[in-house]
Amino acid sequence: SDYDDLKKCDTERFAAFHRVLLDEGIYLSPSQGEADFISIRHAPPVLARTLRAMARRLRGIASHQER
């Protein structure tokens, strides 16, 4: 919510998430401090695909880091 919170972010975990989403063809801002926006060009199937990929990849990162 503010700069102090941003400084506490796990940048390595975000970088891993960003990389695996790139592998899925999903392009996010390269920093967790940047905003991403949805536009009218993001049709429901694109949003659904993005959400599925994010959920799948977040589960993968979480399970990998728990080991």
PDB file of N, CA and C in Angstrom:
ATOM      1  N   SER A   1       0.815  -1.210   0.000  1.00  0.00           N
ATOM      2  CA  SER A   1       0.000   0.000   0.000  1.00  0.00           C
ATOM      3  C   SER A   1       0.855   1.269   0.000  1.00  0.00           C
ATOM      4  N   ASP A   2       2.152   1.114   0.369  1.00  0.00           N
ATOM      5  CA  ASP A   2       3.035   2.274   0.359  1.00  0.00           C
ATOM      6  C   ASP A   2       4.478   1.807   0.159  1.00  0.00           C
ATOM      7  N   TYR A   3       5.389   2.760   0.107  1.00  0.00           N
ATOM      8  CA  TYR A   3       6.785   2.443  -0.175  1.00  0.00           C
ATOM      9  C   TYR A   3       7.399   1.522   0.886  1.00  0.00           C
ATOM     10  N   ASP A   4       7.062   1.723   2.144  1.00  0.00           N
ATOM     11  CA  ASP A   4       7.604   0.857   3.195  1.00  0.00           C
ATOM     12  C   ASP A   4       7.180  -0.594   2.993  1.00  0.00           C
ATOM     13  N   ASP A   5       5.914  -0.804   2.602  1.00  0.00           N
ATOM     14  CA  ASP A   5       5.446  -2.162   2.314  1.00  0.00           C
ATOM     15  C   ASP A   5       6.159  -2.731   1.093  1.00  0.00           C
ATOM     16  N   LEU A   6       6.363  -1.914   0.093  1.00  0.00           N
ATOM     17  CA  LEU A   6       7.033  -2.352  -1.124  1.00  0.00           C
ATOM     18  C   LEU A   6       8.451  -2.833  -0.830  1.00  0.00           C
ATOM     19  N   LYS A   7       9.133  -2.157   0.071  1.00  0.00           N
ATOM     20  CA  LYS A   7      10.505  -2.543   0.415  1.00  0.00           C
ATOM     21  C   LYS A   7      10.554  -3.921   1.082  1.00  0.00           C
ATOM     22  N   LYS A   8       9.443  -4.383   1.635  1.00  0.00           N
ATOM     23  CA  LYS A   8       9.389  -5.679   2.316  1.00  0.00           C
ATOM     24  C   LYS A   8       9.087  -6.833   1.364  1.00  0.00           C
ATOM     25  N   CYS A   9       8.802  -6.531   0.110  1.00  0.00           N
ATOM     26  CA  CYS A   9       8.425  -7.562  -0.857  1.00  0.00           C
ATOM     27  C   CYS A   9       9.565  -8.545  -1.102  1.00  0.00           C
ATOM     28  N   ASP A  10       9.184  -9.767  -1.373  1.00  0.00           N
ATOM     29  CA  ASP A  10      10.143 -10.819  -1.716  1.00  0.00           C
ATOM     30  C   ASP A  10      10.440 -10.709  -3.212  1.00  0.00           C
ATOM     31  N   THR A  11      11.484  -9.982  -3.551  1.00  0.00           N
ATOM     32  CA  THR A  11      11.774  -9.717  -4.961  1.00  0.00           C
ATOM     33  C   THR A  11      12.203 -10.986  -5.701  1.00  0.00           C
ATOM     34  N   GLU A  12      12.854 -11.911  -5.031  1.00  0.00           N
ATOM     35  CA  GLU A  12      13.247 -13.159  -5.690  1.00  0.00           C
ATOM     36  C   GLU A  12      12.025 -13.990  -6.050  1.00  0.00           C
ATOM     37  N   ARG A  13      11.064 -14.049  -5.162  1.00  0.00           N
ATOM     38  CA  ARG A  13       9.843 -14.810  -5.444  1.00  0.00           C
ATOM     39  C   ARG A  13       9.054 -14.140  -6.572  1.00  0.00           C
ATOM     40  N   PHE A  14       8.997 -12.807  -6.559  1.00  0.00           N
ATOM     41  CA  PHE A  14       8.297 -12.118  -7.648  1.00  0.00           C
ATOM     42  C   PHE A  14       9.007 -12.363  -8.974  1.00  0.00           C
ATOM     43  N   ALA A  15      10.338 -12.336  -8.967  1.00  0.00           N
ATOM     44  CA  ALA A  15      11.096 -12.577 -10.197  1.00  0.00           C
ATOM     45  C   ALA A  15      10.804 -13.969 -10.748  1.00  0.00           C
ATOM     46  N   ALA A  16      10.724 -14.960  -9.874  1.00  0.00           N
ATOM     47  CA  ALA A  16      10.391 -16.322 -10.314  1.00  0.00           C
ATOM     48  C   ALA A  16       8.991 -16.366 -10.919  1.00  0.00           C
ATOM     49  N   PHE A  17       8.052 -15.715 -10.272  1.00  0.00           N
ATOM     50  CA  PHE A  17       6.672 -15.650 -10.775  1.00  0.00           C
ATOM     51  C   PHE A  17       6.646 -14.957 -12.134  1.00  0.00           C
ATOM     52  N   HIS A  18       7.356 -13.864 -12.253  1.00  0.00           N
ATOM     53  CA  HIS A  18       7.396 -13.112 -13.506  1.00  0.00           C
ATOM     54  C   HIS A  18       7.964 -13.977 -14.631  1.00  0.00           C
ATOM     55  N   ARG A  19       9.048 -14.696 -14.359  1.00  0.00           N
ATOM     56  CA  ARG A  19       9.677 -15.551 -15.378  1.00  0.00           C
ATOM     57  C   ARG A  19       8.744 -16.649 -15.857  1.00  0.00           C
ATOM     58  N   VAL A  20       8.072 -17.318 -14.931  1.00  0.00           N
ATOM     59  CA  VAL A  20       7.202 -18.422 -15.362  1.00  0.00           C
ATOM     60  C   VAL A  20       5.984 -17.902 -16.111  1.00  0.00           C
ATOM     61  N   LEU A  21       5.514 -16.714 -15.771  1.00  0.00           N
ATOM     62  CA  LEU A  21       4.403 -16.157 -16.548  1.00  0.00           C
ATOM     63  C   LEU A  21       4.862 -15.781 -17.952  1.00  0.00           C
ATOM     64  N   LEU A  22       6.079 -15.290 -18.097  1.00  0.00           N
ATOM     65  CA  LEU A  22       6.608 -15.029 -19.435  1.00  0.00           C
ATOM     66  C   LEU A  22       6.619 -16.315 -20.255  1.00  0.00           C
ATOM     67  N   ASP A  23       6.973 -17.437 -19.621  1.00  0.00           N
ATOM     68  CA  ASP A  23       6.950 -18.733 -20.306  1.00  0.00           C
ATOM     69  C   ASP A  23       5.548 -19.088 -20.795  1.00  0.00           C
ATOM     70  N   GLU A  24       4.539 -18.580 -20.103  1.00  0.00           N
ATOM     71  CA  GLU A  24       3.138 -18.817 -20.472  1.00  0.00           C
ATOM     72  C   GLU A  24       2.654 -17.806 -21.514  1.00  0.00           C
ATOM     73  N   GLY A  25       3.506 -16.842 -21.863  1.00  0.00           N
ATOM     74  CA  GLY A  25       3.094 -15.810 -22.814  1.00  0.00           C
ATOM     75  C   GLY A  25       2.320 -14.678 -22.168  1.00  0.00           C
ATOM     76  N   ILE A  26       2.469 -14.540 -20.838  1.00  0.00           N
ATOM     77  CA  ILE A  26       1.769 -13.489 -20.095  1.00  0.00           C
ATOM     78  C   ILE A  26       2.808 -12.459 -19.665  1.00  0.00           C
ATOM     79  N   TYR A  27       2.580 -11.240 -20.053  1.00  0.00           N
ATOM     80  CA  TYR A  27       3.550 -10.171 -19.823  1.00  0.00           C
ATOM     81  C   TYR A  27       3.048  -9.206 -18.749  1.00  0.00           C
ATOM     82  N   LEU A  28       3.701  -9.252 -17.601  1.00  0.00           N
ATOM     83  CA  LEU A  28       3.403  -8.332 -16.500  1.00  0.00           C
ATOM     84  C   LEU A  28       4.487  -7.271 -16.438  1.00  0.00           C
ATOM     85  N   SER A  29       4.219  -6.231 -15.702  1.00  0.00           N
ATOM     86  CA  SER A  29       5.263  -5.247 -15.426  1.00  0.00           C
ATOM     87  C   SER A  29       6.406  -5.964 -14.724  1.00  0.00           C
ATOM     88  N   PRO A  30       7.644  -5.595 -15.020  1.00  0.00           N
ATOM     89  CA  PRO A  30       8.777  -6.335 -14.472  1.00  0.00           C
ATOM     90  C   PRO A  30       9.090  -6.062 -13.005  1.00  0.00           C
ATOM     91  N   SER A  31       8.346  -5.205 -12.351  1.00  0.00           N
ATOM     92  CA  SER A  31       8.594  -4.910 -10.947  1.00  0.00           C
ATOM     93  C   SER A  31       7.283  -5.012 -10.180  1.00  0.00           C
ATOM     94  N   GLN A  32       7.349  -5.599  -8.997  1.00  0.00           N
ATOM     95  CA  GLN A  32       6.123  -5.723  -8.198  1.00  0.00           C
ATOM     96  C   GLN A  32       5.602  -4.380  -7.730  1.00  0.00           C
ATOM     97  N   GLY A  33       6.379  -3.338  -7.900  1.00  0.00           N
ATOM     98  CA  GLY A  33       5.937  -2.006  -7.506  1.00  0.00           C
ATOM     99  C   GLY A  33       5.190  -1.275  -8.602  1.00  0.00           C
ATOM    100  N   GLU A  34       5.108  -1.872  -9.772  1.00  0.00           N
ATOM    101  CA  GLU A  34       4.417  -1.225 -10.884  1.00  0.00           C
ATOM    102  C   GLU A  34       2.982  -1.723 -10.958  1.00  0.00           C
ATOM    103  N   ALA A  35       2.143  -0.948 -11.581  1.00  0.00           N
ATOM    104  CA  ALA A  35       0.739  -1.322 -11.730  1.00  0.00           C
ATOM    105  C   ALA A  35       0.516  -1.966 -13.096  1.00  0.00           C
ATOM    106  N   ASP A  36      -0.340  -2.949 -13.138  1.00  0.00           N
ATOM    107  CA  ASP A  36      -0.787  -3.553 -14.386  1.00  0.00           C
ATOM    108  C   ASP A  36      -2.264  -3.210 -14.542  1.00  0.00           C
ATOM    109  N   PHE A  37      -2.669  -2.967 -15.760  1.00  0.00           N
ATOM    110  CA  PHE A  37      -4.038  -2.539 -16.010  1.00  0.00           C
ATOM    111  C   PHE A  37      -4.720  -3.473 -16.989  1.00  0.00           C
ATOM    112  N   ILE A  38      -5.990  -3.660 -16.791  1.00  0.00           N
ATOM    113  CA  ILE A  38      -6.826  -4.419 -17.711  1.00  0.00           C
ATOM    114  C   ILE A  38      -7.505  -3.413 -18.620  1.00  0.00           C
ATOM    115  N   SER A  39      -7.508  -3.725 -19.913  1.00  0.00           N
ATOM    116  CA  SER A  39      -8.166  -2.830 -20.857  1.00  0.00           C
ATOM    117  C   SER A  39      -9.269  -3.570 -21.599  1.00  0.00           C
ATOM    118  N   ILE A  40      -9.980  -2.849 -22.413  1.00  0.00           N
ATOM    119  CA  ILE A  40     -11.053  -3.440 -23.197  1.00  0.00           C
ATOM    120  C   ILE A  40     -10.519  -4.481 -24.177  1.00  0.00           C
ATOM    121  N   ARG A  41      -9.239  -4.413 -24.493  1.00  0.00           N
ATOM    122  CA  ARG A  41      -8.610  -5.378 -25.393  1.00  0.00           C
ATOM    123  C   ARG A  41      -8.387  -6.734 -24.721  1.00  0.00           C
ATOM    124  N   HIS A  42      -8.535  -6.790 -23.418  1.00  0.00           N
ATOM    125  CA  HIS A  42      -8.382  -8.047 -22.692  1.00  0.00           C
ATOM    126  C   HIS A  42      -9.751  -8.718 -22.596  1.00  0.00           C
ATOM    127  N   ALA A  43     -10.056  -9.526 -23.588  1.00  0.00           N
ATOM    128  CA  ALA A  43     -11.348 -10.213 -23.647  1.00  0.00           C
ATOM    129  C   ALA A  43     -11.434 -11.263 -22.535  1.00  0.00           C
ATOM    130  N   PRO A  44     -12.649 -11.652 -22.151  1.00  0.00           N
ATOM    131  CA  PRO A  44     -12.810 -12.637 -21.081  1.00  0.00           C
ATOM    132  C   PRO A  44     -11.980 -13.912 -21.252  1.00  0.00           C
ATOM    133  N   PRO A  45     -11.850 -14.482 -22.457  1.00  0.00           N
ATOM    134  CA  PRO A  45     -11.003 -15.681 -22.561  1.00  0.00           C
ATOM    135  C   PRO A  45      -9.528 -15.407 -22.224  1.00  0.00           C
ATOM    136  N   VAL A  46      -9.047 -14.230 -22.577  1.00  0.00           N
ATOM    137  CA  VAL A  46      -7.661 -13.864 -22.264  1.00  0.00           C
ATOM    138  C   VAL A  46      -7.492 -13.710 -20.753  1.00  0.00           C
ATOM    139  N   LEU A  47      -8.445 -13.071 -20.120  1.00  0.00           N
ATOM    140  CA  LEU A  47      -8.380 -12.897 -18.661  1.00  0.00           C
ATOM    141  C   LEU A  47      -8.463 -14.246 -17.957  1.00  0.00           C
ATOM    142  N   ALA A  48      -9.337 -15.122 -18.424  1.00  0.00           N
ATOM    143  CA  ALA A  48      -9.474 -16.447 -17.814  1.00  0.00           C
ATOM    144  C   ALA A  48      -8.183 -17.241 -17.952  1.00  0.00           C
ATOM    145  N   ARG A  49      -7.568 -17.195 -19.135  1.00  0.00           N
ATOM    146  CA  ARG A  49      -6.298 -17.884 -19.366  1.00  0.00           C
ATOM    147  C   ARG A  49      -5.218 -17.319 -18.439  1.00  0.00           C
ATOM    148  N   THR A  50      -5.192 -16.011 -18.294  1.00  0.00           N
ATOM    149  CA  THR A  50      -4.210 -15.366 -17.425  1.00  0.00           C
ATOM    150  C   THR A  50      -4.397 -15.798 -15.977  1.00  0.00           C
ATOM    151  N   LEU A  51      -5.628 -15.791 -15.509  1.00  0.00           N
ATOM    152  CA  LEU A  51      -5.886 -16.182 -14.123  1.00  0.00           C
ATOM    153  C   LEU A  51      -5.543 -17.642 -13.869  1.00  0.00           C
ATOM    154  N   ARG A  52      -5.868 -18.518 -14.838  1.00  0.00           N
ATOM    155  CA  ARG A  52      -5.511 -19.940 -14.672  1.00  0.00           C
ATOM    156  C   ARG A  52      -3.997 -20.107 -14.594  1.00  0.00           C
ATOM    157  N   ALA A  53      -3.280 -19.425 -15.481  1.00  0.00           N
ATOM    158  CA  ALA A  53      -1.819 -19.528 -15.482  1.00  0.00           C
ATOM    159  C   ALA A  53      -1.237 -18.983 -14.186  1.00  0.00           C
ATOM    160  N   MET A  54      -1.751 -17.852 -13.726  1.00  0.00           N
ATOM    161  CA  MET A  54      -1.249 -17.273 -12.477  1.00  0.00           C
ATOM    162  C   MET A  54      -1.472 -18.225 -11.309  1.00  0.00           C
ATOM    163  N   ALA A  55      -2.668 -18.780 -11.213  1.00  0.00           N
ATOM    164  CA  ALA A  55      -2.976 -19.691 -10.107  1.00  0.00           C
ATOM    165  C   ALA A  55      -2.076 -20.925 -10.159  1.00  0.00           C
ATOM    166  N   ARG A  56      -1.931 -21.509 -11.344  1.00  0.00           N
ATOM    167  CA  ARG A  56      -1.096 -22.698 -11.504  1.00  0.00           C
ATOM    168  C   ARG A  56       0.352 -22.395 -11.132  1.00  0.00           C
ATOM    169  N   ARG A  57       0.879 -21.308 -11.617  1.00  0.00           N
ATOM    170  CA  ARG A  57       2.272 -20.968 -11.375  1.00  0.00           C
ATOM    171  C   ARG A  57       2.519 -20.552  -9.932  1.00  0.00           C
ATOM    172  N   LEU A  58       1.572 -19.865  -9.305  1.00  0.00           N
ATOM    173  CA  LEU A  58       1.730 -19.514  -7.888  1.00  0.00           C
ATOM    174  C   LEU A  58       1.757 -20.765  -7.026  1.00  0.00           C
ATOM    175  N   ARG A  59       0.892 -21.738  -7.351  1.00  0.00           N
ATOM    176  CA  ARG A  59       0.922 -23.005  -6.602  1.00  0.00           C
ATOM    177  C   ARG A  59       2.272 -23.688  -6.781  1.00  0.00           C
ATOM    178  N   GLY A  60       2.792 -23.673  -7.997  1.00  0.00           N
ATOM    179  CA  GLY A  60       4.084 -24.305  -8.263  1.00  0.00           C
ATOM    180  C   GLY A  60       5.221 -23.636  -7.514  1.00  0.00           C
ATOM    181  N   ILE A  61       5.232 -22.329  -7.510  1.00  0.00           N
ATOM    182  CA  ILE A  61       6.283 -21.593  -6.793  1.00  0.00           C
ATOM    183  C   ILE A  61       6.176 -21.859  -5.296  1.00  0.00           C
ATOM    184  N   ALA A  62       4.951 -21.825  -4.774  1.00  0.00           N
ATOM    185  CA  ALA A  62       4.757 -22.036  -3.330  1.00  0.00           C
ATOM    186  C   ALA A  62       5.214 -23.437  -2.931  1.00  0.00           C
ATOM    187  N   SER A  63       4.849 -24.450  -3.702  1.00  0.00           N
ATOM    188  CA  SER A  63       5.231 -25.807  -3.331  1.00  0.00           C
ATOM    189  C   SER A  63       6.738 -26.013  -3.485  1.00  0.00           C
ATOM    190  N   HIS A  64       7.333 -25.370  -4.473  1.00  0.00           N
ATOM    191  CA  HIS A  64       8.788 -25.488  -4.665  1.00  0.00           C
ATOM    192  C   HIS A  64       9.556 -24.829  -3.512  1.00  0.00           C
ATOM    193  N   GLN A  65       9.070 -23.700  -3.045  1.00  0.00           N
ATOM    194  CA  GLN A  65       9.770 -22.973  -1.984  1.00  0.00           C
ATOM    195  C   GLN A  65       9.561 -23.623  -0.615  1.00  0.00           C
ATOM    196  N   GLU A  66       8.521 -24.479  -0.491  1.00  0.00           N
ATOM    197  CA  GLU A  66       8.284 -25.140   0.793  1.00  0.00           C
ATOM    198  C   GLU A  66       9.265 -26.293   1.004  1.00  0.00           C
ATOM    199  N   ARG A  67       9.875 -26.772  -0.059  1.00  0.00           N
ATOM    200  CA  ARG A  67      10.785 -27.930   0.052  1.00  0.00           C
ATOM    201  C   ARG A  67      12.078 -27.582   0.714  1.00  0.00           C
TER     202      ARG A  67
END
